[in-house]
Amino acid sequence: MRSEREKMAAGEWYCCLDEELDALRAKARLAVHQHATMAPDARGAMAPLLRTLLGSVADGTFIEAPFHCSYGFNISLGKNTYLNTGCVILDSAPVRIGDGCMLGPGVQIYCADHHRDIQSRAQGIEIAKPVTIGNNAWIGGGAILLPGITIGEGAIVGAGSVVTKDVAPGQTVVGNPARKIIPKGGHTRN
């Protein structure tokens, strides 16, 4: 029989109220606590525990404090990527952020999608869907990316937007739910 972690990794329904997953989240909380409480000059781009927790971190990546993640090991950060203060990544599935990306303050990325059946949801049943952000994308402050979303290369997500659908490369979206901007004249931006 497969563990709940194995089910989570396979993108299947799993129970998040599991001892192994609890222990992994506790490890992540310790790492983000160190990141939030270290003096900035001692912490540098990222606290040591957080750097070792994350799945991969390329050169030039910088994470402001505070920062929060669920597990950390599912997060991959490209080179010269910047996460401003207060970013939250609930990484029950892979979160891949490309090179040269900028995430504004308070950006939230969610991978867990909870069961719609009230009894299953009460038992902690959820499914994890990956989130991908392409190279050189800009995610404005306070934006929320929902489970399974892909943000294309060079795309812009306006501050405070709630992204419920994929964003094409080079596209700009704003609002709740986020929609592409149509400039005067009726032509869409690419």
C-alpha atoms as a PDB file:
ATOM      1  CA  MET A   1       0.000   0.000   0.000  1.00  0.00           C
ATOM      2  CA  ARG A   2       1.355   3.434  -0.938  1.00  0.00           C
ATOM      3  CA  SER A   3       2.003   6.148   1.607  1.00  0.00           C
ATOM      4  CA  GLU A   4       0.095   9.426   1.612  1.00  0.00           C
ATOM      5  CA  ARG A   5       3.317  11.174   0.524  1.00  0.00           C
ATOM      6  CA  GLU A   6       3.595   8.818  -2.463  1.00  0.00           C
ATOM      7  CA  LYS A   7      -0.036   9.497  -3.399  1.00  0.00           C
ATOM      8  CA  MET A   8       0.572  13.255  -3.085  1.00  0.00           C
ATOM      9  CA  ALA A   9       3.651  13.034  -5.329  1.00  0.00           C
ATOM     10  CA  ALA A  10       1.704  11.006  -7.917  1.00  0.00           C
ATOM     11  CA  GLY A  11      -1.040  13.658  -8.148  1.00  0.00           C
ATOM     12  CA  GLU A  12      -3.659  11.364  -6.602  1.00  0.00           C
ATOM     13  CA  TRP A  13      -6.117  12.002  -3.785  1.00  0.00           C
ATOM     14  CA  TYR A  14      -4.315  11.701  -0.436  1.00  0.00           C
ATOM     15  CA  CYS A  15      -4.878  12.505   3.222  1.00  0.00           C
ATOM     16  CA  CYS A  16      -2.927  15.557   4.387  1.00  0.00           C
ATOM     17  CA  LEU A  17      -3.568  14.547   8.025  1.00  0.00           C
ATOM     18  CA  ASP A  18      -0.705  12.069   7.970  1.00  0.00           C
ATOM     19  CA  GLU A  19       2.225  11.661  10.391  1.00  0.00           C
ATOM     20  CA  GLU A  20       4.909  11.641   7.691  1.00  0.00           C
ATOM     21  CA  LEU A  21       3.469  14.758   6.028  1.00  0.00           C
ATOM     22  CA  ASP A  22       3.102  16.447   9.441  1.00  0.00           C
ATOM     23  CA  ALA A  23       6.812  15.803  10.119  1.00  0.00           C
ATOM     24  CA  LEU A  24       7.797  17.232   6.719  1.00  0.00           C
ATOM     25  CA  ARG A  25       5.705  20.366   7.330  1.00  0.00           C
ATOM     26  CA  ALA A  26       7.332  20.752  10.768  1.00  0.00           C
ATOM     27  CA  LYS A  27      10.766  20.648   9.113  1.00  0.00           C
ATOM     28  CA  ALA A  28       9.649  23.350   6.671  1.00  0.00           C
ATOM     29  CA  ARG A  29       8.301  25.522   9.517  1.00  0.00           C
ATOM     30  CA  LEU A  30      11.685  25.347  11.233  1.00  0.00           C
ATOM     31  CA  ALA A  31      13.464  26.419   8.030  1.00  0.00           C
ATOM     32  CA  VAL A  32      11.140  29.357   7.352  1.00  0.00           C
ATOM     33  CA  HIS A  33      11.383  30.400  11.009  1.00  0.00           C
ATOM     34  CA  GLN A  34      15.171  30.551  10.717  1.00  0.00           C
ATOM     35  CA  HIS A  35      14.812  32.551   7.502  1.00  0.00           C
ATOM     36  CA  ALA A  36      12.436  35.028   9.173  1.00  0.00           C
ATOM     37  CA  THR A  37      14.468  35.494  12.356  1.00  0.00           C
ATOM     38  CA  MET A  38      18.074  35.660  11.115  1.00  0.00           C
ATOM     39  CA  ALA A  39      19.672  39.068  10.806  1.00  0.00           C
ATOM     40  CA  PRO A  40      19.526  40.088   7.121  1.00  0.00           C
ATOM     41  CA  ASP A  41      23.320  40.364   6.781  1.00  0.00           C
ATOM     42  CA  ALA A  42      23.761  36.871   8.261  1.00  0.00           C
ATOM     43  CA  ARG A  43      20.906  35.388   6.202  1.00  0.00           C
ATOM     44  CA  GLY A  44      21.934  36.825   2.842  1.00  0.00           C
ATOM     45  CA  ALA A  45      19.785  35.645  -0.062  1.00  0.00           C
ATOM     46  CA  MET A  46      18.275  32.851   2.022  1.00  0.00           C
ATOM     47  CA  ALA A  47      18.779  31.150   5.396  1.00  0.00           C
ATOM     48  CA  PRO A  48      20.857  27.938   5.348  1.00  0.00           C
ATOM     49  CA  LEU A  49      18.013  25.622   6.424  1.00  0.00           C
ATOM     50  CA  LEU A  50      15.725  27.050   3.769  1.00  0.00           C
ATOM     51  CA  ARG A  51      18.365  26.682   1.042  1.00  0.00           C
ATOM     52  CA  THR A  52      18.855  22.991   1.894  1.00  0.00           C
ATOM     53  CA  LEU A  53      15.087  22.414   2.187  1.00  0.00           C
ATOM     54  CA  LEU A  54      14.182  23.713  -1.275  1.00  0.00           C
ATOM     55  CA  GLY A  55      14.229  21.315  -4.226  1.00  0.00           C
ATOM     56  CA  SER A  56      16.577  23.465  -6.302  1.00  0.00           C
ATOM     57  CA  VAL A  57      17.864  27.019  -6.139  1.00  0.00           C
ATOM     58  CA  ALA A  58      19.801  28.595  -9.009  1.00  0.00           C
ATOM     59  CA  ASP A  59      22.413  31.344  -8.675  1.00  0.00           C
ATOM     60  CA  GLY A  60      21.198  34.857  -7.972  1.00  0.00           C
ATOM     61  CA  THR A  61      17.900  33.813  -6.381  1.00  0.00           C
ATOM     62  CA  PHE A  62      16.799  35.959  -3.431  1.00  0.00           C
ATOM     63  CA  ILE A  63      13.924  35.378  -0.983  1.00  0.00           C
ATOM     64  CA  GLU A  64      12.903  38.227   1.318  1.00  0.00           C
ATOM     65  CA  ALA A  65      11.637  37.446   4.809  1.00  0.00           C
ATOM     66  CA  PRO A  66       9.117  36.458   5.855  1.00  0.00           C
ATOM     67  CA  PHE A  67       8.472  33.561   3.521  1.00  0.00           C
ATOM     68  CA  HIS A  68       6.368  30.453   4.028  1.00  0.00           C
ATOM     69  CA  CYS A  69       6.173  27.075   2.299  1.00  0.00           C
ATOM     70  CA  SER A  70       4.476  23.789   3.159  1.00  0.00           C
ATOM     71  CA  TYR A  71       7.260  21.344   2.313  1.00  0.00           C
ATOM     72  CA  GLY A  72       9.957  23.164   0.342  1.00  0.00           C
ATOM     73  CA  PHE A  73      11.297  20.126  -1.495  1.00  0.00           C
ATOM     74  CA  ASN A  74       8.751  20.651  -4.299  1.00  0.00           C
ATOM     75  CA  ILE A  75       9.990  24.189  -5.042  1.00  0.00           C
ATOM     76  CA  SER A  76      12.406  24.885  -7.889  1.00  0.00           C
ATOM     77  CA  LEU A  77      13.692  28.451  -8.313  1.00  0.00           C
ATOM     78  CA  GLY A  78      15.440  29.663 -11.467  1.00  0.00           C
ATOM     79  CA  LYS A  79      18.434  31.966 -11.616  1.00  0.00           C
ATOM     80  CA  ASN A  80      18.100  35.639 -10.728  1.00  0.00           C
ATOM     81  CA  THR A  81      14.575  35.124  -9.403  1.00  0.00           C
ATOM     82  CA  TYR A  82      13.277  37.393  -6.652  1.00  0.00           C
ATOM     83  CA  LEU A  83      10.526  36.679  -4.110  1.00  0.00           C
ATOM     84  CA  ASN A  84       9.490  39.792  -2.202  1.00  0.00           C
ATOM     85  CA  THR A  85       8.380  39.829   1.419  1.00  0.00           C
ATOM     86  CA  GLY A  86       5.424  37.740   2.548  1.00  0.00           C
ATOM     87  CA  CYS A  87       5.342  35.223  -0.299  1.00  0.00           C
ATOM     88  CA  VAL A  88       3.576  31.931   0.467  1.00  0.00           C
ATOM     89  CA  ILE A  89       4.062  28.753  -1.567  1.00  0.00           C
ATOM     90  CA  LEU A  90       1.906  25.817  -0.478  1.00  0.00           C
ATOM     91  CA  ASP A  91       3.918  23.249  -2.403  1.00  0.00           C
ATOM     92  CA  SER A  92       2.114  19.946  -2.059  1.00  0.00           C
ATOM     93  CA  ALA A  93       2.933  19.542  -5.791  1.00  0.00           C
ATOM     94  CA  PRO A  94       5.917  20.809  -7.807  1.00  0.00           C
ATOM     95  CA  VAL A  95       6.222  24.590  -8.095  1.00  0.00           C
ATOM     96  CA  ARG A  96       8.651  25.614 -10.811  1.00  0.00           C
ATOM     97  CA  ILE A  97       9.590  29.277 -11.047  1.00  0.00           C
ATOM     98  CA  GLY A  98      11.803  30.094 -14.015  1.00  0.00           C
ATOM     99  CA  ASP A  99      14.803  32.376 -14.488  1.00  0.00           C
ATOM    100  CA  GLY A 100      14.468  36.114 -14.007  1.00  0.00           C
ATOM    101  CA  CYS A 101      11.045  36.006 -12.368  1.00  0.00           C
ATOM    102  CA  MET A 102       9.836  38.654  -9.947  1.00  0.00           C
ATOM    103  CA  LEU A 103       7.151  37.930  -7.359  1.00  0.00           C
ATOM    104  CA  GLY A 104       5.761  40.966  -5.548  1.00  0.00           C
ATOM    105  CA  PRO A 105       5.009  41.146  -1.833  1.00  0.00           C
ATOM    106  CA  GLY A 106       2.351  38.786  -0.563  1.00  0.00           C
ATOM    107  CA  VAL A 107       2.130  36.566  -3.648  1.00  0.00           C
ATOM    108  CA  GLN A 108       0.458  33.267  -2.808  1.00  0.00           C
ATOM    109  CA  ILE A 109       0.816  30.028  -4.766  1.00  0.00           C
ATOM    110  CA  TYR A 110      -1.525  27.158  -3.875  1.00  0.00           C
ATOM    111  CA  CYS A 111      -1.127  23.570  -5.088  1.00  0.00           C
ATOM    112  CA  ALA A 112      -3.646  21.779  -2.846  1.00  0.00           C
ATOM    113  CA  ASP A 113      -7.186  21.413  -4.092  1.00  0.00           C
ATOM    114  CA  HIS A 114      -9.500  20.124  -1.381  1.00  0.00           C
ATOM    115  CA  HIS A 115     -12.210  17.557  -1.946  1.00  0.00           C
ATOM    116  CA  ARG A 116     -15.685  18.941  -2.740  1.00  0.00           C
ATOM    117  CA  ASP A 117     -17.421  16.281  -0.637  1.00  0.00           C
ATOM    118  CA  ILE A 118     -17.762  17.698   2.887  1.00  0.00           C
ATOM    119  CA  GLN A 119     -17.014  14.385   4.650  1.00  0.00           C
ATOM    120  CA  SER A 120     -13.902  13.697   2.560  1.00  0.00           C
ATOM    121  CA  ARG A 121     -12.729  17.285   3.039  1.00  0.00           C
ATOM    122  CA  ALA A 122     -13.234  16.987   6.828  1.00  0.00           C
ATOM    123  CA  GLN A 123     -10.972  13.905   6.741  1.00  0.00           C
ATOM    124  CA  GLY A 124      -8.172  15.918   5.074  1.00  0.00           C
ATOM    125  CA  ILE A 125      -8.593  14.485   1.578  1.00  0.00           C
ATOM    126  CA  GLU A 126      -6.992  16.669  -1.095  1.00  0.00           C
ATOM    127  CA  ILE A 127      -5.195  16.465  -4.412  1.00  0.00           C
ATOM    128  CA  ALA A 128      -2.053  18.375  -5.408  1.00  0.00           C
ATOM    129  CA  LYS A 129      -1.689  20.140  -8.768  1.00  0.00           C
ATOM    130  CA  PRO A 130       1.602  21.679  -9.953  1.00  0.00           C
ATOM    131  CA  VAL A 131       2.120  25.382 -10.633  1.00  0.00           C
ATOM    132  CA  THR A 132       4.636  26.609 -13.211  1.00  0.00           C
ATOM    133  CA  ILE A 133       5.874  30.147 -13.816  1.00  0.00           C
ATOM    134  CA  GLY A 134       7.869  30.670 -17.012  1.00  0.00           C
ATOM    135  CA  ASN A 135      11.074  32.669 -17.360  1.00  0.00           C
ATOM    136  CA  ASN A 136      10.918  36.441 -16.870  1.00  0.00           C
ATOM    137  CA  ALA A 137       7.347  36.469 -15.615  1.00  0.00           C
ATOM    138  CA  TRP A 138       6.239  39.203 -13.223  1.00  0.00           C
ATOM    139  CA  ILE A 139       3.641  38.399 -10.568  1.00  0.00           C
ATOM    140  CA  GLY A 140       2.291  41.557  -8.916  1.00  0.00           C
ATOM    141  CA  GLY A 141       1.903  41.960  -5.163  1.00  0.00           C
ATOM    142  CA  GLY A 142      -0.952  40.110  -3.514  1.00  0.00           C
ATOM    143  CA  ALA A 143      -1.676  37.927  -6.549  1.00  0.00           C
ATOM    144  CA  ILE A 144      -2.986  34.410  -5.925  1.00  0.00           C
ATOM    145  CA  LEU A 145      -2.178  31.495  -8.257  1.00  0.00           C
ATOM    146  CA  LEU A 146      -4.577  28.564  -7.872  1.00  0.00           C
ATOM    147  CA  PRO A 147      -3.700  24.851  -8.213  1.00  0.00           C
ATOM    148  CA  GLY A 148      -2.623  23.616 -11.639  1.00  0.00           C
ATOM    149  CA  ILE A 149      -1.890  27.052 -13.131  1.00  0.00           C
ATOM    150  CA  THR A 150       0.832  27.740 -15.699  1.00  0.00           C
ATOM    151  CA  ILE A 151       2.069  31.295 -16.214  1.00  0.00           C
ATOM    152  CA  GLY A 152       3.802  31.639 -19.578  1.00  0.00           C
ATOM    153  CA  GLU A 153       7.228  33.124 -20.229  1.00  0.00           C
ATOM    154  CA  GLY A 154       7.291  36.921 -19.984  1.00  0.00           C
ATOM    155  CA  ALA A 155       3.693  37.121 -18.735  1.00  0.00           C
ATOM    156  CA  ILE A 156       2.512  39.739 -16.245  1.00  0.00           C
ATOM    157  CA  VAL A 157      -0.050  39.115 -13.514  1.00  0.00           C
ATOM    158  CA  GLY A 158      -1.410  42.374 -12.083  1.00  0.00           C
ATOM    159  CA  ALA A 159      -1.313  43.082  -8.352  1.00  0.00           C
ATOM    160  CA  GLY A 160      -4.181  41.525  -6.433  1.00  0.00           C
ATOM    161  CA  SER A 161      -5.238  39.249  -9.290  1.00  0.00           C
ATOM    162  CA  VAL A 162      -6.633  35.769  -8.678  1.00  0.00           C
ATOM    163  CA  VAL A 163      -5.393  33.479 -11.438  1.00  0.00           C
ATOM    164  CA  THR A 164      -7.878  30.686 -12.139  1.00  0.00           C
ATOM    165  CA  LYS A 165      -6.741  29.816 -15.702  1.00  0.00           C
ATOM    166  CA  ASP A 166      -3.394  29.481 -17.471  1.00  0.00           C
ATOM    167  CA  VAL A 167      -1.761  32.691 -18.704  1.00  0.00           C
ATOM    168  CA  ALA A 168      -0.205  32.607 -22.180  1.00  0.00           C
ATOM    169  CA  PRO A 169       3.406  33.682 -22.768  1.00  0.00           C
ATOM    170  CA  GLY A 170       3.717  37.470 -22.943  1.00  0.00           C
ATOM    171  CA  GLN A 171       0.113  38.013 -21.848  1.00  0.00           C
ATOM    172  CA  THR A 172      -0.942  40.508 -19.160  1.00  0.00           C
ATOM    173  CA  VAL A 173      -3.847  39.579 -16.877  1.00  0.00           C
ATOM    174  CA  VAL A 174      -5.567  41.512 -14.100  1.00  0.00           C
ATOM    175  CA  GLY A 175      -8.554  41.154 -11.795  1.00  0.00           C
ATOM    176  CA  ASN A 176     -10.555  38.540  -9.958  1.00  0.00           C
ATOM    177  CA  PRO A 177     -10.750  36.256 -11.779  1.00  0.00           C
ATOM    178  CA  ALA A 178      -7.721  37.392 -13.774  1.00  0.00           C
ATOM    179  CA  ARG A 179      -8.495  38.267 -17.406  1.00  0.00           C
ATOM    180  CA  LYS A 180      -6.265  39.422 -20.207  1.00  0.00           C
ATOM    181  CA  ILE A 181      -6.054  43.130 -20.874  1.00  0.00           C
ATOM    182  CA  ILE A 182      -7.665  44.292 -24.104  1.00  0.00           C
ATOM    183  CA  PRO A 183      -6.318  47.720 -25.035  1.00  0.00           C
ATOM    184  CA  LYS A 184      -8.357  50.339 -26.858  1.00  0.00           C
ATOM    185  CA  GLY A 185      -8.823  49.286 -30.456  1.00  0.00           C
ATOM    186  CA  GLY A 186      -9.775  45.734 -29.464  1.00  0.00           C
ATOM    187  CA  HIS A 187      -6.476  43.944 -30.048  1.00  0.00           C
ATOM    188  CA  THR A 188      -5.135  41.719 -27.304  1.00  0.00           C
ATOM    189  CA  ARG A 189      -1.566  41.962 -26.077  1.00  0.00           C
ATOM    190  CA  ASN A 190       0.729  39.049 -26.637  1.00  0.00           C
END
